[in-house]
């Protein structure tokens, strides 16, 4: 099964100090390729863990009820980013507030984090 590229930026302590989970990343400048003049970007913070059977479980740390599981990280992150994008898009279109989790969930023992910028 072929998936579009998912770019993952490991979350650093520097990002934790300077950016809240509910903050949008800066709006990109006017596109030079004829695209939209502004592209909203949202932070998707994912916490991952492997179970004893080797399956990978992922959950979004800064929004409720977005989870996925699979055998490889790429598939789990692909599912989570699709769910995240769909949820954000739905809240924006219906003019509802985005229910950011504050404070965000933290990775526990045996878990690790990924930071994924999501462009709508």
N, C-alpha and C. Protein backbone atom coordinates (compact mmCIF):
# COMPACT_ATOMS: atom_id res chain seq x y z
N UNK A 1 0.84 -1.17 0.00
CA UNK A 1 0.00 0.00 0.00
C UNK A 1 0.89 1.24 0.00
N UNK A 2 0.65 2.16 -0.89
CA UNK A 2 1.46 3.37 -1.00
C UNK A 2 0.80 4.52 -0.26
N UNK A 3 1.60 5.26 0.49
CA UNK A 3 1.10 6.41 1.25
C UNK A 3 1.88 7.65 0.85
N UNK A 4 1.26 8.84 0.94
CA UNK A 4 2.03 10.05 0.74
C UNK A 4 3.07 10.18 1.85
N UNK A 5 4.07 10.97 1.60
CA UNK A 5 5.15 11.15 2.57
C UNK A 5 4.61 11.76 3.85
N UNK A 6 5.09 11.28 4.99
CA UNK A 6 4.79 11.86 6.29
C UNK A 6 6.12 12.31 6.86
N UNK A 7 6.25 13.61 7.09
CA UNK A 7 7.48 14.15 7.63
C UNK A 7 7.35 14.25 9.14
N UNK A 8 8.28 13.67 9.86
CA UNK A 8 8.23 13.64 11.31
C UNK A 8 9.41 14.43 11.84
N UNK A 9 9.13 15.33 12.75
CA UNK A 9 10.17 16.10 13.39
C UNK A 9 10.20 15.66 14.85
N UNK A 10 11.29 15.02 15.31
CA UNK A 10 11.33 14.64 16.72
C UNK A 10 11.16 15.87 17.59
N UNK A 11 10.38 15.72 18.65
CA UNK A 11 10.07 16.85 19.51
C UNK A 11 11.26 17.11 20.42
N UNK A 12 11.72 18.34 20.45
CA UNK A 12 12.87 18.70 21.29
C UNK A 12 12.40 19.51 22.48
N UNK A 13 13.23 19.59 23.50
CA UNK A 13 12.88 20.39 24.67
C UNK A 13 12.78 21.86 24.30
N UNK A 14 13.52 22.30 23.27
CA UNK A 14 13.44 23.70 22.84
C UNK A 14 12.04 24.04 22.37
N UNK A 15 11.40 23.14 21.61
CA UNK A 15 10.03 23.39 21.16
C UNK A 15 9.08 23.44 22.34
N UNK A 16 9.31 22.61 23.34
CA UNK A 16 8.43 22.59 24.51
C UNK A 16 8.47 23.93 25.23
N UNK A 17 9.64 24.56 25.27
CA UNK A 17 9.79 25.81 26.00
C UNK A 17 9.20 26.99 25.25
N UNK A 18 9.20 26.95 23.93
CA UNK A 18 8.83 28.13 23.16
C UNK A 18 7.45 28.09 22.54
N UNK A 19 6.78 26.95 22.49
CA UNK A 19 5.52 26.87 21.77
C UNK A 19 4.52 26.01 22.53
N UNK A 20 3.36 26.57 22.79
CA UNK A 20 2.29 25.82 23.42
C UNK A 20 1.67 24.88 22.40
N UNK A 21 1.09 23.79 22.87
CA UNK A 21 0.48 22.81 21.97
C UNK A 21 -0.67 23.41 21.17
N UNK A 22 -1.34 24.41 21.72
CA UNK A 22 -2.50 24.96 21.03
C UNK A 22 -2.14 26.08 20.07
N UNK A 23 -0.90 26.49 20.04
CA UNK A 23 -0.50 27.55 19.12
C UNK A 23 -0.35 27.01 17.72
N UNK A 24 -0.79 27.82 16.77
CA UNK A 24 -0.54 27.47 15.37
C UNK A 24 0.89 27.85 15.05
N UNK A 25 1.48 27.13 14.13
CA UNK A 25 2.75 27.57 13.58
C UNK A 25 2.47 28.80 12.73
N UNK A 26 3.46 29.61 12.42
CA UNK A 26 3.22 30.82 11.63
C UNK A 26 2.60 30.50 10.28
N UNK A 27 1.75 31.40 9.80
CA UNK A 27 1.16 31.26 8.47
C UNK A 27 2.27 31.47 7.45
N UNK A 28 2.30 30.62 6.45
CA UNK A 28 3.32 30.73 5.42
C UNK A 28 3.06 31.96 4.56
N UNK A 29 4.11 32.57 4.00
CA UNK A 29 3.92 33.73 3.14
C UNK A 29 3.21 33.35 1.85
N UNK A 30 2.79 34.35 1.11
CA UNK A 30 2.09 34.16 -0.16
C UNK A 30 2.84 33.15 -1.02
N UNK A 31 2.11 32.22 -1.56
CA UNK A 31 2.71 31.17 -2.39
C UNK A 31 3.18 31.75 -3.71
N UNK A 32 4.34 31.32 -4.16
CA UNK A 32 4.86 31.76 -5.45
C UNK A 32 4.44 30.81 -6.57
N UNK A 33 3.72 29.73 -6.21
CA UNK A 33 3.34 28.76 -7.23
C UNK A 33 1.84 28.79 -7.53
N UNK A 34 1.18 29.89 -7.17
CA UNK A 34 -0.23 30.05 -7.50
C UNK A 34 -1.17 29.42 -6.50
N UNK A 35 -0.68 28.93 -5.38
CA UNK A 35 -1.53 28.32 -4.37
C UNK A 35 -2.20 29.37 -3.50
N UNK A 36 -2.84 28.90 -2.45
CA UNK A 36 -3.53 29.76 -1.51
C UNK A 36 -2.56 30.74 -0.87
N UNK A 37 -3.06 31.92 -0.49
CA UNK A 37 -2.19 32.94 0.08
C UNK A 37 -1.82 32.64 1.53
N UNK A 38 -2.60 31.83 2.23
CA UNK A 38 -2.23 31.47 3.59
C UNK A 38 -2.58 30.01 3.84
N UNK A 39 -1.66 29.33 4.48
CA UNK A 39 -1.84 27.90 4.76
C UNK A 39 -1.75 27.71 6.27
N UNK A 40 -2.87 27.41 6.93
CA UNK A 40 -2.77 27.19 8.37
C UNK A 40 -2.02 25.89 8.67
N UNK A 41 -1.19 25.93 9.69
CA UNK A 41 -0.39 24.78 10.10
C UNK A 41 -0.65 24.54 11.58
N UNK A 42 -0.93 23.30 11.94
CA UNK A 42 -1.23 22.95 13.32
C UNK A 42 -0.25 21.91 13.83
N UNK A 43 0.03 21.96 15.13
CA UNK A 43 0.94 21.01 15.77
C UNK A 43 0.19 19.73 16.11
N UNK A 44 0.69 18.62 15.63
CA UNK A 44 0.15 17.31 16.01
C UNK A 44 1.25 16.61 16.81
N UNK A 45 1.01 16.46 18.10
CA UNK A 45 1.98 15.81 18.98
C UNK A 45 1.49 14.38 19.21
N UNK A 46 2.31 13.41 18.84
CA UNK A 46 1.91 12.00 18.90
C UNK A 46 2.79 11.27 19.92
N UNK A 47 2.15 10.48 20.75
CA UNK A 47 2.85 9.62 21.69
C UNK A 47 2.69 8.18 21.21
N UNK A 48 3.82 7.48 21.08
CA UNK A 48 3.83 6.11 20.56
C UNK A 48 4.41 5.15 21.59
N UNK A 49 3.92 3.90 21.53
CA UNK A 49 4.48 2.83 22.38
C UNK A 49 4.26 1.50 21.68
N UNK A 50 5.16 0.57 21.94
CA UNK A 50 5.02 -0.80 21.43
C UNK A 50 4.47 -1.68 22.54
N UNK A 51 3.52 -2.53 22.18
CA UNK A 51 3.01 -3.48 23.17
C UNK A 51 3.91 -4.72 23.17
N UNK A 52 3.72 -5.63 24.12
CA UNK A 52 4.58 -6.82 24.20
C UNK A 52 4.55 -7.67 22.94
N UNK A 53 3.47 -7.61 22.17
CA UNK A 53 3.38 -8.37 20.93
C UNK A 53 4.03 -7.69 19.74
N UNK A 54 4.56 -6.47 19.94
CA UNK A 54 5.25 -5.76 18.88
C UNK A 54 4.40 -4.76 18.11
N UNK A 55 3.09 -4.69 18.40
CA UNK A 55 2.24 -3.70 17.72
C UNK A 55 2.52 -2.31 18.27
N UNK A 56 2.43 -1.34 17.40
CA UNK A 56 2.68 0.05 17.77
C UNK A 56 1.35 0.75 17.98
N UNK A 57 1.23 1.45 19.09
CA UNK A 57 0.02 2.20 19.43
C UNK A 57 0.38 3.68 19.49
N UNK A 58 -0.44 4.52 18.87
CA UNK A 58 -0.20 5.95 18.87
C UNK A 58 -1.44 6.71 19.30
N UNK A 59 -1.22 7.82 20.00
CA UNK A 59 -2.32 8.69 20.39
C UNK A 59 -1.86 10.13 20.28
N UNK A 60 -2.79 11.02 19.98
CA UNK A 60 -2.46 12.44 19.89
C UNK A 60 -2.45 13.00 21.30
N UNK A 61 -1.39 13.72 21.64
CA UNK A 61 -1.22 14.25 22.99
C UNK A 61 -1.94 15.57 23.21
N UNK A 62 -2.29 16.27 22.13
CA UNK A 62 -2.87 17.60 22.30
C UNK A 62 -4.30 17.74 21.79
N UNK A 63 -4.93 16.63 21.37
CA UNK A 63 -6.35 16.60 21.01
C UNK A 63 -6.94 15.29 21.52
N UNK A 64 -8.20 15.28 21.93
CA UNK A 64 -8.80 14.05 22.45
C UNK A 64 -9.22 13.08 21.34
N UNK A 65 -9.25 11.81 21.69
CA UNK A 65 -9.89 10.75 20.89
C UNK A 65 -9.31 10.50 19.51
N UNK A 66 -8.02 10.75 19.32
CA UNK A 66 -7.39 10.41 18.04
C UNK A 66 -6.31 9.38 18.35
N UNK A 67 -6.52 8.16 17.86
CA UNK A 67 -5.62 7.05 18.13
C UNK A 67 -5.50 6.16 16.91
N UNK A 68 -4.43 5.41 16.85
CA UNK A 68 -4.25 4.43 15.77
C UNK A 68 -3.27 3.37 16.26
N UNK A 69 -3.29 2.23 15.59
CA UNK A 69 -2.31 1.19 15.90
C UNK A 69 -1.96 0.46 14.62
N UNK A 70 -0.80 -0.15 14.62
CA UNK A 70 -0.34 -0.88 13.45
C UNK A 70 0.97 -1.56 13.74
N UNK A 71 1.56 -2.11 12.69
CA UNK A 71 2.83 -2.83 12.86
C UNK A 71 4.04 -1.95 12.58
N UNK A 72 3.84 -0.88 11.79
CA UNK A 72 4.96 0.01 11.48
C UNK A 72 4.57 1.46 11.79
N UNK A 73 5.56 2.24 12.20
CA UNK A 73 5.33 3.62 12.60
C UNK A 73 4.70 4.45 11.48
N UNK A 74 5.16 4.26 10.27
CA UNK A 74 4.65 5.05 9.15
C UNK A 74 3.13 4.91 9.01
N UNK A 75 2.62 3.69 9.10
CA UNK A 75 1.18 3.46 8.98
C UNK A 75 0.40 4.10 10.13
N UNK A 76 0.93 3.99 11.33
CA UNK A 76 0.27 4.59 12.50
C UNK A 76 0.23 6.11 12.35
N UNK A 77 1.35 6.72 11.98
CA UNK A 77 1.39 8.17 11.82
C UNK A 77 0.51 8.63 10.67
N UNK A 78 0.45 7.86 9.59
CA UNK A 78 -0.41 8.21 8.46
C UNK A 78 -1.87 8.25 8.91
N UNK A 79 -2.31 7.24 9.64
CA UNK A 79 -3.69 7.20 10.14
C UNK A 79 -3.97 8.36 11.08
N UNK A 80 -3.05 8.62 11.99
CA UNK A 80 -3.25 9.70 12.96
C UNK A 80 -3.31 11.05 12.26
N UNK A 81 -2.42 11.30 11.29
CA UNK A 81 -2.44 12.60 10.61
C UNK A 81 -3.72 12.79 9.81
N UNK A 82 -4.25 11.73 9.21
CA UNK A 82 -5.53 11.85 8.49
C UNK A 82 -6.66 12.19 9.46
N UNK A 83 -6.70 11.51 10.60
CA UNK A 83 -7.74 11.78 11.60
C UNK A 83 -7.61 13.20 12.16
N UNK A 84 -6.37 13.62 12.45
CA UNK A 84 -6.11 14.95 13.00
C UNK A 84 -6.58 16.01 12.02
N UNK A 85 -6.16 15.90 10.76
CA UNK A 85 -6.53 16.87 9.73
C UNK A 85 -8.05 16.94 9.57
N UNK A 86 -8.70 15.80 9.53
CA UNK A 86 -10.15 15.74 9.37
C UNK A 86 -10.86 16.41 10.55
N UNK A 87 -10.41 16.13 11.77
CA UNK A 87 -11.03 16.72 12.96
C UNK A 87 -10.86 18.23 12.98
N UNK A 88 -9.64 18.72 12.72
CA UNK A 88 -9.40 20.17 12.70
C UNK A 88 -10.25 20.83 11.63
N UNK A 89 -10.26 20.25 10.44
CA UNK A 89 -11.04 20.80 9.34
C UNK A 89 -12.53 20.88 9.70
N UNK A 90 -13.04 19.85 10.33
CA UNK A 90 -14.45 19.82 10.74
C UNK A 90 -14.76 20.92 11.75
N UNK A 91 -13.90 21.07 12.77
CA UNK A 91 -14.13 22.11 13.77
C UNK A 91 -14.07 23.50 13.16
N UNK A 92 -13.13 23.72 12.25
CA UNK A 92 -13.01 25.03 11.61
C UNK A 92 -14.24 25.31 10.75
N UNK A 93 -14.64 24.35 9.93
CA UNK A 93 -15.80 24.56 9.04
C UNK A 93 -17.09 24.78 9.82
N UNK A 94 -17.23 24.15 10.98
CA UNK A 94 -18.45 24.34 11.77
C UNK A 94 -18.31 25.48 12.78
N UNK A 95 -17.18 26.20 12.69
CA UNK A 95 -16.90 27.37 13.54
C UNK A 95 -16.93 27.01 15.03
N UNK A 96 -16.49 25.80 15.35
CA UNK A 96 -16.38 25.37 16.74
C UNK A 96 -14.95 25.59 17.22
N UNK A 97 -14.81 25.80 18.52
CA UNK A 97 -13.48 25.92 19.09
C UNK A 97 -12.79 24.56 19.03
N UNK A 98 -11.50 24.57 18.74
CA UNK A 98 -10.72 23.33 18.72
C UNK A 98 -10.43 22.95 20.18
N UNK A 99 -10.79 21.73 20.60
CA UNK A 99 -10.64 21.34 22.01
C UNK A 99 -9.22 20.89 22.38
N UNK A 100 -8.26 21.82 22.26
CA UNK A 100 -6.88 21.49 22.59
C UNK A 100 -6.79 20.99 24.02
N UNK A 101 -5.98 20.00 24.26
CA UNK A 101 -5.73 19.50 25.60
C UNK A 101 -4.59 20.32 26.21
N UNK A 102 -4.88 20.96 27.31
CA UNK A 102 -3.87 21.75 28.03
C UNK A 102 -3.90 21.33 29.48
N UNK A 103 -2.83 20.87 30.03
CA UNK A 103 -1.55 20.63 29.36
C UNK A 103 -1.64 19.37 28.49
N UNK A 104 -0.73 19.28 27.56
CA UNK A 104 -0.72 18.11 26.68
C UNK A 104 -0.27 16.88 27.47
N UNK A 105 -0.70 15.73 27.00
CA UNK A 105 -0.25 14.48 27.61
C UNK A 105 1.26 14.34 27.41
N UNK A 106 1.91 13.73 28.34
CA UNK A 106 3.36 13.51 28.27
C UNK A 106 3.64 12.03 28.05
N UNK A 107 4.72 11.75 27.36
CA UNK A 107 5.14 10.36 27.15
C UNK A 107 5.56 9.75 28.48
N UNK A 108 5.12 8.54 28.72
CA UNK A 108 5.48 7.83 29.93
C UNK A 108 6.64 6.88 29.67
N UNK A 109 6.95 6.05 30.64
CA UNK A 109 8.02 5.06 30.46
C UNK A 109 7.72 4.15 29.27
N UNK A 110 8.70 3.95 28.43
CA UNK A 110 8.54 3.09 27.26
C UNK A 110 7.82 3.74 26.10
N UNK A 111 7.47 5.01 26.23
CA UNK A 111 6.79 5.74 25.15
C UNK A 111 7.75 6.76 24.54
N UNK A 112 7.46 7.18 23.32
CA UNK A 112 8.25 8.22 22.68
C UNK A 112 7.33 9.13 21.89
N UNK A 113 7.79 10.36 21.61
CA UNK A 113 6.96 11.37 20.96
C UNK A 113 7.44 11.68 19.56
N UNK A 114 6.49 12.13 18.75
CA UNK A 114 6.77 12.67 17.43
C UNK A 114 5.98 13.97 17.29
N UNK A 115 6.58 14.94 16.65
CA UNK A 115 5.94 16.22 16.38
C UNK A 115 5.74 16.30 14.87
N UNK A 116 4.49 16.51 14.45
CA UNK A 116 4.17 16.53 13.02
C UNK A 116 3.42 17.82 12.70
N UNK A 117 3.98 18.70 11.86
CA UNK A 117 3.23 19.87 11.42
C UNK A 117 2.18 19.44 10.40
N UNK A 118 0.93 19.84 10.63
CA UNK A 118 -0.18 19.46 9.75
C UNK A 118 -0.66 20.69 9.00
N UNK A 119 -0.57 20.65 7.68
CA UNK A 119 -1.04 21.74 6.82
C UNK A 119 -2.45 21.40 6.36
N UNK A 120 -3.37 22.34 6.52
CA UNK A 120 -4.74 22.09 6.04
C UNK A 120 -4.87 22.46 4.59
